[in-house]
Amino acid sequence: MKKPNSFIIGAPKCGTTSLATWLREHPQVFVSDPKEPRYFNTDFGLRATHSLEEYEEIFYNAKPDHIAILEASTTYLCSKNAVQKILEYSPTAKFIVMLRKPQDMVISWHAELCKSSEDQHDIEVAWRLQENRAAKLNLPRYSISEDYYQYGKVCRVGTQLKRVKDYVSKDNMLVVFLEDIRKNPQVQFNNVLNFLGVSPLCLQKYSTVNRRQHIRSIFFRNFILSLSRFRKFIGITSTTGFLKPLNRLNQSQNNYQKMRIGFKRELDDYFYEEIMTVEKIVGRVPDEWFDNE
């Protein structure tokens, strides 16, 4: 059985799902199913796979002609020990780190959590609750893990990238910016393929997967979640087909909330050093990262 030798380790809401979907099209690349087994993040968030046997089972179908065997758990970048644990397991592992402007990442991460558990529709209110939530106070009713509601920590990309750099050689780490992918997906995709050591490939279409969606109503989302739990309680385990139309009804790509100018400046100040750290490590950041409009 082949073991994973390449890892997309985050960050969340930075195009990791899209990249993993594109990589599935390559005959020399095997991408795990599920995409995010979250086995090595023992100190952050929830683990989806708990035993080594269960973890390695998801790579069972990898073939001899698969050169790059990879998974894409976005929680690894937030974790303080995941990269070390991966290197203990696979000493020559390659790491792909996908980043975007951290202020935009906060917005997308908040929108993602609102789909499942966050009960504060106002992003500024959710931001101000971080200290309490770190102490397990004021957590959402359907809380997943208190780690996920630490928006600043999750999006502190400079600190996270520096931690990876401390353990991973330059040749085994590739940083990909979402802003660059949006401008020229073909070039960025082939950069990834070259890094993985597989042949170039031109896809017919570079679709965006898991695009940001904003929910219209927290109350309606909780109703859907309660309905799902009730159906499971009475023994109806297949709920996907029934709930999908309701979830779609409650989602919108245009329900974007405008932030107060003061709060936007607060985020700019909060992430300034993080951006400078990324620029120092990579040698550049996209122009959009310094766009304060």
Protein backbone atom coordinates (compact mmCIF):
# COMPACT_ATOMS: atom_id res chain seq x y z
CA MET A 1 0.00 0.00 0.00
CA LYS A 2 1.21 3.47 -0.88
CA LYS A 3 1.33 6.09 1.86
CA PRO A 4 0.70 9.83 1.48
CA ASN A 5 3.76 11.82 0.48
CA SER A 6 2.20 15.23 -0.18
CA PHE A 7 -0.06 17.41 1.95
CA ILE A 8 -2.19 20.48 1.29
CA ILE A 9 -2.16 21.81 4.84
CA GLY A 10 -4.33 24.91 4.58
CA ALA A 11 -5.30 27.57 5.06
CA PRO A 12 -9.10 27.15 5.18
CA LYS A 13 -11.14 29.11 2.61
CA CYS A 14 -8.06 29.66 0.45
CA GLY A 15 -8.93 27.44 -2.51
CA THR A 16 -7.81 24.09 -1.10
CA THR A 17 -10.98 22.28 -2.21
CA SER A 18 -10.71 23.65 -5.74
CA LEU A 19 -7.05 22.64 -6.03
CA ALA A 20 -7.73 19.15 -4.67
CA THR A 21 -10.58 18.76 -7.18
CA TRP A 22 -8.31 19.77 -10.07
CA LEU A 23 -5.58 17.41 -8.88
CA ARG A 24 -8.01 14.48 -8.94
CA GLU A 25 -8.06 14.89 -12.73
CA HIS A 26 -4.35 14.10 -13.01
CA PRO A 27 -3.52 10.43 -13.72
CA GLN A 28 -0.33 10.60 -11.63
CA VAL A 29 -2.00 12.11 -8.55
CA PHE A 30 -4.09 10.36 -5.93
CA VAL A 31 -6.21 12.52 -3.62
CA SER A 32 -7.72 10.93 -0.54
CA ASP A 33 -11.45 10.53 -0.06
CA PRO A 34 -12.36 12.17 2.24
CA LYS A 35 -10.21 15.11 1.25
CA GLU A 36 -9.69 16.14 4.89
CA PRO A 37 -8.96 13.14 7.13
CA ARG A 38 -7.57 15.56 9.77
CA TYR A 39 -5.47 12.85 11.40
CA PHE A 40 -2.37 14.79 12.45
CA ASN A 41 -4.02 17.86 14.07
CA THR A 42 -4.12 16.45 17.58
CA ASP A 43 -4.04 19.89 19.25
CA PHE A 44 -6.50 21.88 17.14
CA GLY A 45 -10.11 21.38 16.15
CA LEU A 46 -11.70 17.99 15.55
CA ARG A 47 -10.00 14.92 14.15
CA ALA A 48 -11.97 13.09 11.47
CA THR A 49 -9.70 10.03 11.53
CA HIS A 50 -8.42 8.71 14.86
CA SER A 51 -6.39 5.56 14.22
CA LEU A 52 -3.40 5.06 11.91
CA GLU A 53 -5.07 1.99 10.43
CA GLU A 54 -8.19 3.97 9.59
CA TYR A 55 -6.08 6.80 8.18
CA GLU A 56 -3.98 4.62 5.90
CA GLU A 57 -7.09 2.81 4.69
CA ILE A 58 -8.21 5.88 2.73
CA PHE A 59 -5.09 5.57 0.54
CA TYR A 60 -5.72 1.90 -0.21
CA ASN A 61 -6.75 2.56 -3.82
CA ALA A 62 -3.58 4.43 -4.73
CA LYS A 63 -1.90 2.72 -7.70
CA PRO A 64 1.77 2.24 -8.62
CA ASP A 65 1.48 4.93 -11.31
CA HIS A 66 0.36 7.51 -8.75
CA ILE A 67 3.47 9.58 -8.06
CA ALA A 68 1.87 12.11 -5.70
CA ILE A 69 -0.32 10.65 -2.95
CA LEU A 70 -1.94 13.46 -1.05
CA GLU A 71 -4.60 14.65 1.33
CA ALA A 72 -5.80 18.18 2.09
CA SER A 73 -6.60 18.85 5.75
CA THR A 74 -6.80 22.61 6.25
CA THR A 75 -6.55 22.31 10.05
CA TYR A 76 -2.90 21.25 9.81
CA LEU A 77 -1.72 24.81 9.26
CA CYS A 78 -3.45 26.05 12.42
CA SER A 79 -2.08 23.15 14.46
CA LYS A 80 1.21 23.64 16.29
CA ASN A 81 2.27 20.00 16.00
CA ALA A 82 0.67 18.62 12.81
CA VAL A 83 3.64 19.35 10.53
CA GLN A 84 6.06 17.73 13.00
CA LYS A 85 3.84 14.65 13.23
CA ILE A 86 3.56 14.45 9.44
CA LEU A 87 7.36 14.58 9.13
CA GLU A 88 7.72 11.80 11.71
CA TYR A 89 5.36 9.75 9.56
CA SER A 90 6.73 10.84 6.17
CA PRO A 91 10.17 12.52 6.51
CA THR A 92 10.35 13.62 2.86
CA ALA A 93 6.76 14.89 2.67
CA LYS A 94 5.93 17.84 0.44
CA PHE A 95 3.71 20.63 1.78
CA ILE A 96 1.45 22.96 -0.19
CA VAL A 97 0.36 26.03 1.78
CA MET A 98 -2.50 28.02 0.24
CA LEU A 99 -2.99 31.56 1.50
CA ARG A 100 -5.11 34.62 0.86
CA LYS A 101 -5.37 38.11 2.33
CA PRO A 102 -6.12 37.33 6.00
CA GLN A 103 -8.82 40.00 6.34
CA ASP A 104 -10.74 38.38 3.48
CA MET A 105 -10.07 34.98 5.01
CA VAL A 106 -11.78 36.09 8.24
CA ILE A 107 -14.90 37.04 6.29
CA SER A 108 -15.02 33.73 4.42
CA TRP A 109 -14.27 31.63 7.51
CA HIS A 110 -17.05 33.39 9.43
CA ALA A 111 -19.48 32.79 6.53
CA GLU A 112 -18.46 29.12 6.44
CA LEU A 113 -19.11 28.66 10.16
CA CYS A 114 -22.44 30.46 9.89
CA LYS A 115 -23.57 27.67 7.58
CA SER A 116 -23.03 25.08 10.30
CA SER A 117 -22.80 26.50 13.81
CA GLU A 118 -21.86 30.18 14.30
CA ASP A 119 -24.81 31.98 15.92
CA GLN A 120 -23.51 35.54 15.48
CA HIS A 121 -24.47 36.76 12.04
CA ASP A 122 -22.51 39.98 12.57
CA ILE A 123 -18.83 39.25 12.00
CA GLU A 124 -17.72 42.05 14.33
CA VAL A 125 -19.75 40.60 17.20
CA ALA A 126 -18.25 37.16 16.56
CA TRP A 127 -14.75 38.69 16.50
CA ARG A 128 -15.28 40.36 19.88
CA LEU A 129 -16.37 37.05 21.46
CA GLN A 130 -13.05 35.33 20.81
CA GLU A 131 -11.64 35.75 24.30
CA ASN A 132 -14.78 34.42 25.97
CA ARG A 133 -15.01 31.52 23.56
CA ALA A 134 -11.40 30.56 24.20
CA ALA A 135 -12.56 30.07 27.79
CA LYS A 136 -15.53 28.01 26.48
CA LEU A 137 -18.00 30.80 27.18
CA ASN A 138 -20.64 32.15 24.77
CA LEU A 139 -20.08 29.27 22.38
CA PRO A 140 -22.74 28.66 19.71
CA ARG A 141 -25.55 26.24 20.45
CA TYR A 142 -24.25 23.83 17.85
CA SER A 143 -20.61 24.45 18.66
CA ILE A 144 -18.11 22.25 16.81
CA SER A 145 -14.85 23.05 18.61
CA GLU A 146 -13.98 26.26 20.40
CA ASP A 147 -10.80 26.44 18.30
CA TYR A 148 -12.77 27.19 15.14
CA TYR A 149 -14.25 30.42 16.53
CA GLN A 150 -10.83 31.96 17.15
CA TYR A 151 -10.92 33.96 13.93
CA GLY A 152 -7.68 35.78 14.55
CA LYS A 153 -5.78 32.60 15.35
CA VAL A 154 -7.17 30.68 12.39
CA CYS A 155 -6.23 33.49 9.98
CA ARG A 156 -2.81 34.35 11.45
CA VAL A 157 -1.13 33.12 8.27
CA GLY A 158 2.27 34.69 8.85
CA THR A 159 2.77 32.99 12.21
CA GLN A 160 1.57 29.70 10.76
CA LEU A 161 3.79 29.90 7.69
CA LYS A 162 6.84 30.69 9.83
CA ARG A 163 6.13 27.59 11.90
CA VAL A 164 6.05 25.44 8.77
CA LYS A 165 9.26 27.04 7.48
CA ASP A 166 11.02 26.15 10.74
CA TYR A 167 10.46 22.43 10.09
CA VAL A 168 10.21 22.05 6.31
CA SER A 169 13.01 22.57 3.81
CA LYS A 170 12.54 25.20 1.12
CA ASP A 171 12.44 22.54 -1.61
CA ASN A 172 9.57 20.72 0.10
CA MET A 173 7.26 23.71 0.67
CA LEU A 174 5.21 25.56 -1.93
CA VAL A 175 3.14 28.65 -1.10
CA VAL A 176 0.19 29.34 -3.41
CA PHE A 177 -1.87 32.53 -3.17
CA LEU A 178 -5.59 32.38 -3.92
CA GLU A 179 -5.37 35.80 -5.56
CA ASP A 180 -2.82 34.39 -8.06
CA ILE A 181 -5.01 31.37 -8.80
CA ARG A 182 -7.93 33.65 -9.61
CA LYS A 183 -5.79 35.61 -12.09
CA ASN A 184 -4.19 32.66 -13.85
CA PRO A 185 -5.30 29.21 -12.67
CA GLN A 186 -3.44 27.33 -15.42
CA VAL A 187 -0.05 28.78 -14.48
CA GLN A 188 -0.57 28.21 -10.77
CA PHE A 189 -1.88 24.68 -11.32
CA ASN A 190 1.18 23.72 -13.34
CA ASN A 191 3.42 25.25 -10.66
CA VAL A 192 1.79 22.83 -8.23
CA LEU A 193 2.20 19.89 -10.62
CA ASN A 194 5.87 20.73 -11.13
CA PHE A 195 6.35 20.91 -7.37
CA LEU A 196 4.72 17.48 -6.97
CA GLY A 197 6.98 16.02 -9.67
CA VAL A 198 4.22 15.03 -12.09
CA SER A 199 3.64 15.91 -15.73
CA PRO A 200 1.95 19.18 -16.83
CA LEU A 201 -1.78 19.08 -17.48
CA CYS A 202 -4.20 21.59 -18.95
CA LEU A 203 -7.76 21.25 -17.70
CA GLN A 204 -10.71 22.28 -19.84
CA LYS A 205 -12.21 24.19 -16.93
CA TYR A 206 -10.88 25.43 -13.59
CA SER A 207 -14.06 25.46 -11.55
CA THR A 208 -14.31 27.13 -8.17
CA VAL A 209 -15.41 24.57 -5.59
CA ASN A 210 -16.84 25.43 -2.17
CA ARG A 211 -17.37 29.06 -3.09
CA ARG A 212 -18.25 31.34 -0.20
CA GLN A 213 -21.94 31.34 0.63
CA HIS A 214 -23.66 33.62 3.13
CA ILE A 215 -26.71 32.38 4.98
CA ARG A 216 -29.82 34.50 5.14
CA SER A 217 -31.03 33.45 8.59
CA ILE A 218 -29.34 31.90 11.62
CA PHE A 219 -32.79 31.01 12.96
CA PHE A 220 -33.70 29.06 9.80
CA ARG A 221 -30.31 27.31 9.83
CA ASN A 222 -30.92 26.18 13.43
CA PHE A 223 -34.34 24.93 12.40
CA ILE A 224 -32.73 22.82 9.67
CA LEU A 225 -30.11 21.48 12.10
CA SER A 226 -32.78 20.63 14.67
CA LEU A 227 -34.84 18.89 12.01
CA SER A 228 -31.80 16.87 10.92
CA ARG A 229 -31.07 15.78 14.49
CA PHE A 230 -34.70 14.85 15.11
CA ARG A 231 -34.81 12.67 11.97
CA LYS A 232 -31.66 10.87 13.08
CA PHE A 233 -33.12 10.45 16.58
CA ILE A 234 -36.18 8.64 15.21
CA GLY A 235 -34.01 6.45 12.99
CA ILE A 236 -34.08 8.28 9.66
CA THR A 237 -30.41 8.46 8.80
CA SER A 238 -30.60 9.55 5.16
CA THR A 239 -31.32 13.29 5.28
CA THR A 240 -29.16 14.72 2.53
CA GLY A 241 -31.76 14.78 -0.22
CA PHE A 242 -34.38 16.32 2.06
CA LEU A 243 -32.19 19.00 3.60
CA LYS A 244 -30.21 20.19 0.59
CA PRO A 245 -33.08 22.26 -0.91
CA LEU A 246 -33.67 23.91 2.48
CA ASN A 247 -29.99 24.74 2.87
CA ARG A 248 -29.85 26.19 -0.64
CA LEU A 249 -32.90 28.31 0.11
CA ASN A 250 -31.11 29.78 3.11
CA GLN A 251 -27.86 30.58 1.25
CA SER A 252 -26.89 33.47 -0.95
CA GLN A 253 -23.69 34.61 -2.65
CA ASN A 254 -24.90 38.21 -2.48
CA ASN A 255 -25.74 38.46 1.21
CA TYR A 256 -22.37 40.08 1.93
CA GLN A 257 -22.31 42.26 5.05
CA LYS A 258 -20.37 45.51 4.97
CA MET A 259 -17.99 46.06 7.85
CA ARG A 260 -17.69 49.30 9.76
CA ILE A 261 -14.70 51.34 8.61
CA GLY A 262 -13.36 51.31 12.16
CA PHE A 263 -13.54 47.52 12.39
CA LYS A 264 -11.97 47.12 8.95
CA ARG A 265 -9.05 49.28 10.07
CA GLU A 266 -8.80 47.20 13.23
CA LEU A 267 -8.41 44.06 11.13
CA ASP A 268 -5.85 45.79 8.91
CA ASP A 269 -3.79 46.68 11.99
CA TYR A 270 -4.22 43.23 13.52
CA PHE A 271 -2.94 41.42 10.44
CA TYR A 272 -0.26 43.90 9.31
CA GLU A 273 2.63 42.03 10.92
CA GLU A 274 1.23 38.74 9.68
CA ILE A 275 1.27 40.05 6.11
CA MET A 276 4.82 41.36 6.51
CA THR A 277 5.93 37.96 7.81
CA VAL A 278 4.50 36.21 4.76
CA GLU A 279 6.17 38.73 2.47
CA LYS A 280 9.52 38.17 4.20
CA ILE A 281 9.28 34.38 3.91
CA VAL A 282 7.91 34.14 0.36
CA GLY A 283 9.53 37.24 -1.06
CA ARG A 284 6.20 38.77 -2.12
CA VAL A 285 2.50 38.90 -1.44
CA PRO A 286 -0.23 39.76 -3.96
CA ASP A 287 -0.94 43.46 -4.44
CA GLU A 288 -4.45 42.93 -3.06
CA TRP A 289 -2.99 42.27 0.39
CA PHE A 290 -2.04 45.93 0.67
CA ASP A 291 -5.24 47.21 -0.91
CA ASN A 292 -7.11 48.99 1.89
CA GLU A 293 -10.04 50.16 -0.20
